N, C-alpha and C. Protein backbone atom coordinates (compact mmCIF):
# COMPACT_ATOMS: atom_id res chain seq x y z
N MET A 1 27.85 38.87 -10.61
CA MET A 1 26.89 38.56 -9.58
C MET A 1 27.13 37.11 -9.15
N SER A 2 27.19 36.87 -7.87
CA SER A 2 27.41 35.52 -7.37
C SER A 2 26.08 34.83 -7.08
N ASP A 3 26.13 33.50 -7.06
CA ASP A 3 24.93 32.73 -6.74
C ASP A 3 24.58 32.92 -5.27
N ARG A 4 23.28 32.89 -5.00
CA ARG A 4 22.82 33.03 -3.62
C ARG A 4 22.12 31.75 -3.21
N SER A 5 22.17 31.44 -1.96
CA SER A 5 21.52 30.25 -1.43
C SER A 5 20.01 30.48 -1.35
N LEU A 6 19.25 29.44 -1.61
CA LEU A 6 17.79 29.54 -1.47
C LEU A 6 17.39 29.80 -0.03
N ASP A 7 18.26 29.43 0.91
CA ASP A 7 17.96 29.68 2.32
C ASP A 7 17.79 31.16 2.62
N GLU A 8 18.42 32.02 1.81
CA GLU A 8 18.29 33.46 2.02
C GLU A 8 16.87 33.94 1.75
N PHE A 9 16.12 33.20 0.95
CA PHE A 9 14.77 33.61 0.56
C PHE A 9 13.68 32.91 1.36
N ALA A 10 14.06 31.92 2.13
CA ALA A 10 13.08 31.15 2.91
C ALA A 10 12.50 32.01 4.02
N VAL A 11 11.22 31.85 4.24
CA VAL A 11 10.54 32.56 5.31
C VAL A 11 10.50 31.62 6.51
N ALA A 12 10.98 32.10 7.61
CA ALA A 12 10.99 31.27 8.82
C ALA A 12 9.56 31.04 9.27
N SER A 13 9.19 29.78 9.47
CA SER A 13 7.84 29.49 9.94
C SER A 13 7.88 29.27 11.44
N THR A 14 6.78 29.60 12.08
CA THR A 14 6.67 29.40 13.51
C THR A 14 5.77 28.22 13.77
N GLU A 15 5.86 27.69 14.95
CA GLU A 15 5.04 26.53 15.29
C GLU A 15 3.55 26.87 15.22
N GLY A 16 3.18 28.10 15.55
CA GLY A 16 1.78 28.53 15.50
C GLY A 16 1.23 28.49 14.09
N ASP A 17 2.05 28.85 13.09
CA ASP A 17 1.61 28.80 11.71
C ASP A 17 1.28 27.38 11.30
N GLN A 18 2.11 26.44 11.70
CA GLN A 18 1.88 25.04 11.35
C GLN A 18 0.61 24.51 12.01
N ALA A 19 0.34 24.96 13.24
CA ALA A 19 -0.88 24.52 13.94
C ALA A 19 -2.12 25.05 13.22
N ASP A 20 -2.05 26.30 12.71
CA ASP A 20 -3.19 26.86 11.99
C ASP A 20 -3.49 26.06 10.73
N VAL A 21 -2.45 25.65 10.02
CA VAL A 21 -2.63 24.85 8.81
C VAL A 21 -3.27 23.52 9.15
N ALA A 22 -2.80 22.89 10.21
CA ALA A 22 -3.35 21.60 10.63
C ALA A 22 -4.82 21.75 11.02
N ASP A 23 -5.17 22.83 11.73
CA ASP A 23 -6.56 23.05 12.12
C ASP A 23 -7.45 23.25 10.90
N ASP A 24 -6.98 24.01 9.91
CA ASP A 24 -7.76 24.23 8.69
C ASP A 24 -8.01 22.93 7.95
N GLU A 25 -6.99 22.09 7.84
CA GLU A 25 -7.14 20.82 7.13
C GLU A 25 -8.10 19.89 7.86
N ALA A 26 -8.05 19.90 9.19
CA ALA A 26 -8.92 19.03 9.98
C ALA A 26 -10.37 19.46 9.91
N SER A 27 -10.62 20.76 9.72
CA SER A 27 -11.99 21.25 9.72
C SER A 27 -12.66 21.12 8.35
N THR A 28 -11.93 20.72 7.32
CA THR A 28 -12.48 20.58 5.98
C THR A 28 -12.40 19.11 5.55
N PRO A 29 -13.43 18.34 5.81
CA PRO A 29 -13.36 16.92 5.44
C PRO A 29 -13.35 16.74 3.92
N ALA A 30 -12.58 15.76 3.48
CA ALA A 30 -12.45 15.49 2.05
C ALA A 30 -13.77 15.01 1.45
N ALA A 31 -14.64 14.43 2.26
CA ALA A 31 -15.91 13.90 1.75
C ALA A 31 -16.82 15.00 1.23
N ASP A 32 -16.61 16.24 1.68
CA ASP A 32 -17.46 17.34 1.23
C ASP A 32 -17.06 17.88 -0.14
N ALA A 33 -15.91 17.45 -0.65
CA ALA A 33 -15.44 17.95 -1.93
C ALA A 33 -16.29 17.37 -3.06
N ALA A 34 -16.64 18.22 -4.00
CA ALA A 34 -17.42 17.78 -5.15
C ALA A 34 -16.51 16.99 -6.10
N PRO A 35 -17.03 15.96 -6.74
CA PRO A 35 -16.19 15.21 -7.67
C PRO A 35 -15.83 16.08 -8.87
N SER A 36 -14.64 15.85 -9.40
CA SER A 36 -14.23 16.64 -10.57
C SER A 36 -15.03 16.20 -11.79
N VAL A 37 -15.29 17.15 -12.67
CA VAL A 37 -16.07 16.90 -13.87
C VAL A 37 -15.24 17.36 -15.07
N PRO A 38 -14.96 16.49 -16.01
CA PRO A 38 -14.16 16.91 -17.17
C PRO A 38 -14.92 17.91 -18.03
N THR A 39 -14.20 18.89 -18.57
CA THR A 39 -14.81 19.86 -19.47
C THR A 39 -14.45 19.59 -20.92
N MET A 40 -13.43 18.74 -21.13
CA MET A 40 -12.98 18.42 -22.48
C MET A 40 -12.44 17.00 -22.48
N ARG A 41 -12.63 16.31 -23.57
CA ARG A 41 -12.07 14.97 -23.75
C ARG A 41 -11.23 14.96 -25.02
N TRP A 42 -10.12 14.23 -24.97
CA TRP A 42 -9.23 14.11 -26.12
C TRP A 42 -9.05 12.64 -26.43
N SER A 43 -9.04 12.29 -27.70
CA SER A 43 -8.85 10.92 -28.13
C SER A 43 -7.86 10.91 -29.29
N ALA A 44 -6.82 10.12 -29.17
CA ALA A 44 -5.79 10.05 -30.22
C ALA A 44 -6.37 9.56 -31.54
N ASN A 45 -7.31 8.63 -31.47
CA ASN A 45 -7.91 8.06 -32.68
C ASN A 45 -9.17 8.81 -33.10
N GLY A 46 -9.58 9.80 -32.32
CA GLY A 46 -10.79 10.53 -32.60
C GLY A 46 -12.00 9.84 -32.01
N ALA A 47 -13.03 10.60 -31.78
CA ALA A 47 -14.30 10.08 -31.25
C ALA A 47 -15.42 10.89 -31.89
N ALA A 48 -16.57 10.29 -31.97
CA ALA A 48 -17.71 10.92 -32.63
C ALA A 48 -18.33 12.00 -31.74
N CYS A 49 -18.62 13.14 -32.35
CA CYS A 49 -19.34 14.22 -31.68
C CYS A 49 -20.74 13.70 -31.35
N ASP A 50 -21.21 13.99 -30.16
CA ASP A 50 -22.54 13.52 -29.76
C ASP A 50 -23.67 14.19 -30.53
N ASP A 51 -23.41 15.34 -31.15
CA ASP A 51 -24.46 16.04 -31.91
C ASP A 51 -24.43 15.71 -33.40
N CYS A 52 -23.26 15.85 -34.04
CA CYS A 52 -23.21 15.72 -35.50
C CYS A 52 -22.48 14.46 -35.99
N ASP A 53 -21.96 13.66 -35.08
CA ASP A 53 -21.26 12.41 -35.39
C ASP A 53 -19.94 12.60 -36.14
N ALA A 54 -19.43 13.83 -36.25
CA ALA A 54 -18.12 14.05 -36.86
C ALA A 54 -17.06 13.47 -35.93
N VAL A 55 -16.07 12.79 -36.50
CA VAL A 55 -14.99 12.20 -35.70
C VAL A 55 -13.91 13.26 -35.51
N VAL A 56 -13.67 13.63 -34.26
CA VAL A 56 -12.71 14.68 -33.91
C VAL A 56 -11.84 14.22 -32.74
N SER A 57 -10.67 14.84 -32.60
CA SER A 57 -9.77 14.51 -31.49
C SER A 57 -10.24 15.12 -30.18
N ARG A 58 -10.75 16.36 -30.24
CA ARG A 58 -11.18 17.06 -29.03
C ARG A 58 -12.68 17.30 -29.05
N ARG A 59 -13.29 16.98 -27.91
CA ARG A 59 -14.73 17.24 -27.73
C ARG A 59 -14.91 17.95 -26.40
N TRP A 60 -15.81 18.93 -26.36
CA TRP A 60 -16.06 19.72 -25.16
C TRP A 60 -17.43 19.38 -24.59
N ARG A 61 -17.53 19.50 -23.26
CA ARG A 61 -18.80 19.24 -22.58
C ARG A 61 -19.82 20.30 -22.97
N ASP A 62 -21.00 19.83 -23.29
CA ASP A 62 -22.14 20.70 -23.58
C ASP A 62 -23.34 20.05 -22.91
N GLY A 63 -23.62 20.45 -21.70
CA GLY A 63 -24.66 19.77 -20.92
C GLY A 63 -24.16 18.42 -20.48
N ASP A 64 -24.87 17.36 -20.88
CA ASP A 64 -24.46 16.00 -20.53
C ASP A 64 -23.71 15.30 -21.65
N SER A 65 -23.49 15.97 -22.76
CA SER A 65 -22.82 15.34 -23.90
C SER A 65 -21.50 16.02 -24.20
N PHE A 66 -20.69 15.38 -25.05
CA PHE A 66 -19.42 15.94 -25.50
C PHE A 66 -19.51 16.17 -27.00
N VAL A 67 -19.23 17.41 -27.40
CA VAL A 67 -19.44 17.81 -28.79
C VAL A 67 -18.16 18.43 -29.37
N CYS A 68 -18.12 18.49 -30.70
CA CYS A 68 -16.98 19.11 -31.39
C CYS A 68 -17.06 20.62 -31.26
N ALA A 69 -15.98 21.30 -31.67
CA ALA A 69 -15.92 22.76 -31.57
C ALA A 69 -17.01 23.44 -32.38
N ASP A 70 -17.40 22.85 -33.51
CA ASP A 70 -18.44 23.46 -34.33
C ASP A 70 -19.82 23.38 -33.69
N CYS A 71 -20.05 22.36 -32.90
CA CYS A 71 -21.37 22.18 -32.26
C CYS A 71 -21.44 22.81 -30.86
N LYS A 72 -20.29 23.16 -30.30
CA LYS A 72 -20.26 23.73 -28.95
C LYS A 72 -20.84 25.13 -28.93
N GLU A 73 -21.71 25.38 -27.95
CA GLU A 73 -22.27 26.72 -27.74
C GLU A 73 -21.28 27.50 -26.89
N TRP A 74 -20.44 28.31 -27.51
CA TRP A 74 -19.41 29.06 -26.76
C TRP A 74 -20.06 30.25 -26.15
């Protein structure tokens, strides 16, 4: 089997497709995006669980606090 060019798999785009993408981006302002919220924190030296004070590398969000796996309500 011989190698094939990636150009063989490319889908030809039309100018209309590009205009639709530009219109979609313009109609969705970035200011409306919600800020990202971490669900897990990792610390190389460990950090204390907000519930039991155990020092662990990974803590998961539980409401407004970050807790160890044992304290997390899965």
